[in-house]
C-alpha atoms as a PDB file:
ATOM      1  CA  MET A   1     -19.163  -7.433  28.797  1.00  0.00           C
ATOM      2  CA  ARG A   2     -17.556  -4.301  27.602  1.00  0.00           C
ATOM      3  CA  LEU A   3     -15.489  -3.772  24.101  1.00  0.00           C
ATOM      4  CA  VAL A   4     -12.319  -3.498  25.861  1.00  0.00           C
ATOM      5  CA  ASP A   5     -12.704  -6.537  27.744  1.00  0.00           C
ATOM      6  CA  ALA A   6     -13.942  -8.010  24.298  1.00  0.00           C
ATOM      7  CA  VAL A   7     -10.772  -6.862  23.216  1.00  0.00           C
ATOM      8  CA  TYR A   8      -8.724  -8.174  26.030  1.00  0.00           C
ATOM      9  CA  GLU A   9     -10.081 -11.632  25.863  1.00  0.00           C
ATOM     10  CA  ARG A  10      -9.742 -12.062  22.345  1.00  0.00           C
ATOM     11  CA  ILE A  11      -5.415 -11.159  22.753  1.00  0.00           C
ATOM     12  CA  ASN A  12      -5.466 -14.036  25.659  1.00  0.00           C
ATOM     13  CA  GLU A  13      -7.245 -16.399  22.613  1.00  0.00           C
ATOM     14  CA  PHE A  14      -4.404 -15.791  20.416  1.00  0.00           C
ATOM     15  CA  ILE A  15      -1.581 -16.042  22.933  1.00  0.00           C
ATOM     16  CA  LYS A  16      -2.922 -19.565  24.183  1.00  0.00           C
ATOM     17  CA  ILE A  17      -3.159 -20.410  19.996  1.00  0.00           C
ATOM     18  CA  LYS A  18       0.372 -19.493  19.571  1.00  0.00           C
ATOM     19  CA  ASN A  19       1.206 -20.646  23.157  1.00  0.00           C
ATOM     20  CA  MET A  20       2.947 -17.912  24.177  1.00  0.00           C
ATOM     21  CA  SER A  21       3.613 -15.894  26.990  1.00  0.00           C
ATOM     22  CA  MET A  22       2.240 -12.412  27.414  1.00  0.00           C
ATOM     23  CA  ASN A  23       5.778 -11.112  27.066  1.00  0.00           C
ATOM     24  CA  GLY A  24       6.595 -13.167  24.121  1.00  0.00           C
ATOM     25  CA  PHE A  25       3.404 -12.076  22.639  1.00  0.00           C
ATOM     26  CA  ALA A  26       4.068  -8.020  23.235  1.00  0.00           C
ATOM     27  CA  ASN A  27       7.639  -8.783  21.738  1.00  0.00           C
ATOM     28  CA  LEU A  28       6.178 -10.393  18.607  1.00  0.00           C
ATOM     29  CA  CYS A  29       3.616  -7.576  18.115  1.00  0.00           C
ATOM     30  CA  GLY A  30       5.684  -4.552  19.149  1.00  0.00           C
ATOM     31  CA  VAL A  31       3.368  -3.343  21.467  1.00  0.00           C
ATOM     32  CA  PRO A  32       4.309  -2.583  25.386  1.00  0.00           C
ATOM     33  CA  ARG A  33       3.458  -5.556  28.123  1.00  0.00           C
ATOM     34  CA  SER A  34       1.745  -2.907  29.958  1.00  0.00           C
ATOM     35  CA  THR A  35      -0.346  -1.898  27.289  1.00  0.00           C
ATOM     36  CA  ILE A  36      -2.139  -5.161  27.040  1.00  0.00           C
ATOM     37  CA  VAL A  37      -2.168  -5.662  30.906  1.00  0.00           C
ATOM     38  CA  THR A  38      -3.694  -2.120  31.778  1.00  0.00           C
ATOM     39  CA  MET A  39      -6.598  -2.746  29.246  1.00  0.00           C
ATOM     40  CA  GLN A  40      -8.332  -5.001  32.340  1.00  0.00           C
ATOM     41  CA  ARG A  41      -8.462  -1.658  34.020  1.00  0.00           C
ATOM     42  CA  SER A  42      -8.869   0.708  30.830  1.00  0.00           C
ATOM     43  CA  THR A  43     -12.548   2.106  29.659  1.00  0.00           C
ATOM     44  CA  THR A  44     -10.753   2.330  25.748  1.00  0.00           C
ATOM     45  CA  VAL A  45      -8.542   0.621  23.590  1.00  0.00           C
ATOM     46  CA  LYS A  46      -6.826   2.176  20.511  1.00  0.00           C
ATOM     47  CA  LEU A  47      -7.486   0.738  17.017  1.00  0.00           C
ATOM     48  CA  SER A  48      -3.755   1.313  16.426  1.00  0.00           C
ATOM     49  CA  THR A  49      -2.845  -1.118  18.970  1.00  0.00           C
ATOM     50  CA  VAL A  50      -5.335  -3.598  17.519  1.00  0.00           C
ATOM     51  CA  GLN A  51      -3.572  -3.239  14.307  1.00  0.00           C
ATOM     52  CA  ALA A  52      -0.214  -3.465  15.587  1.00  0.00           C
ATOM     53  CA  ILE A  53      -1.082  -6.572  17.310  1.00  0.00           C
ATOM     54  CA  CYS A  54      -2.589  -7.798  13.858  1.00  0.00           C
ATOM     55  CA  ASP A  55       0.484  -6.994  12.155  1.00  0.00           C
ATOM     56  CA  GLY A  56       2.446  -9.124  14.816  1.00  0.00           C
ATOM     57  CA  LEU A  57       0.211 -12.202  14.077  1.00  0.00           C
ATOM     58  CA  ASN A  58      -0.020 -11.375  10.449  1.00  0.00           C
ATOM     59  CA  ILE A  59      -3.629 -11.314  10.212  1.00  0.00           C
ATOM     60  CA  GLU A  60      -6.213  -8.710   8.974  1.00  0.00           C
ATOM     61  CA  LEU A  61      -8.421  -6.429  11.222  1.00  0.00           C
ATOM     62  CA  LYS A  62     -11.352  -8.592  10.385  1.00  0.00           C
ATOM     63  CA  ASP A  63      -9.708 -11.540  11.426  1.00  0.00           C
ATOM     64  CA  PHE A  64      -9.414 -10.251  14.938  1.00  0.00           C
ATOM     65  CA  PHE A  65     -12.846  -9.204  15.468  1.00  0.00           C
ATOM     66  CA  ASN A  66     -14.340 -12.524  13.744  1.00  0.00           C
ATOM     67  CA  SER A  67     -15.005 -14.179  17.370  1.00  0.00           C
ATOM     68  CA  PRO A  68     -18.530 -14.700  19.057  1.00  0.00           C
ATOM     69  CA  LEU A  69     -16.933 -12.346  21.961  1.00  0.00           C
ATOM     70  CA  PHE A  70     -17.732  -9.177  19.547  1.00  0.00           C
ATOM     71  CA  ALA A  71     -21.338 -10.496  18.631  1.00  0.00           C
ATOM     72  CA  ARG A  72     -23.839  -7.509  19.567  1.00  0.00           C
ATOM     73  CA  GLU A  73     -25.406  -9.562  22.005  1.00  0.00           C
ATOM     74  CA  ASN A  74     -22.394 -10.009  24.129  1.00  0.00           C
ATOM     75  CA  ILE A  75     -21.472  -6.121  24.299  1.00  0.00           C
ATOM     76  CA  ASP A  76     -23.212  -4.344  26.928  1.00  0.00           C
ATOM     77  CA  GLU A  77     -21.999  -0.616  26.245  1.00  0.00           C
END
């Protein structure tokens, strides 16, 4: 999977954990919903966007990336 796809999947995991809608999650994190949705079609994601999501979730970047999704063998870029 592409790295940007792993980031998008991780966001979806947090949305499910928080039992929120995409809109509610975007508002919580202060990130436009369109930014999150366009990750599906994008080839990049800004680290500042991931940091904003972490700030909204009150977690560290290391916690965001602490997932099997980001294991080297799962990323093919």
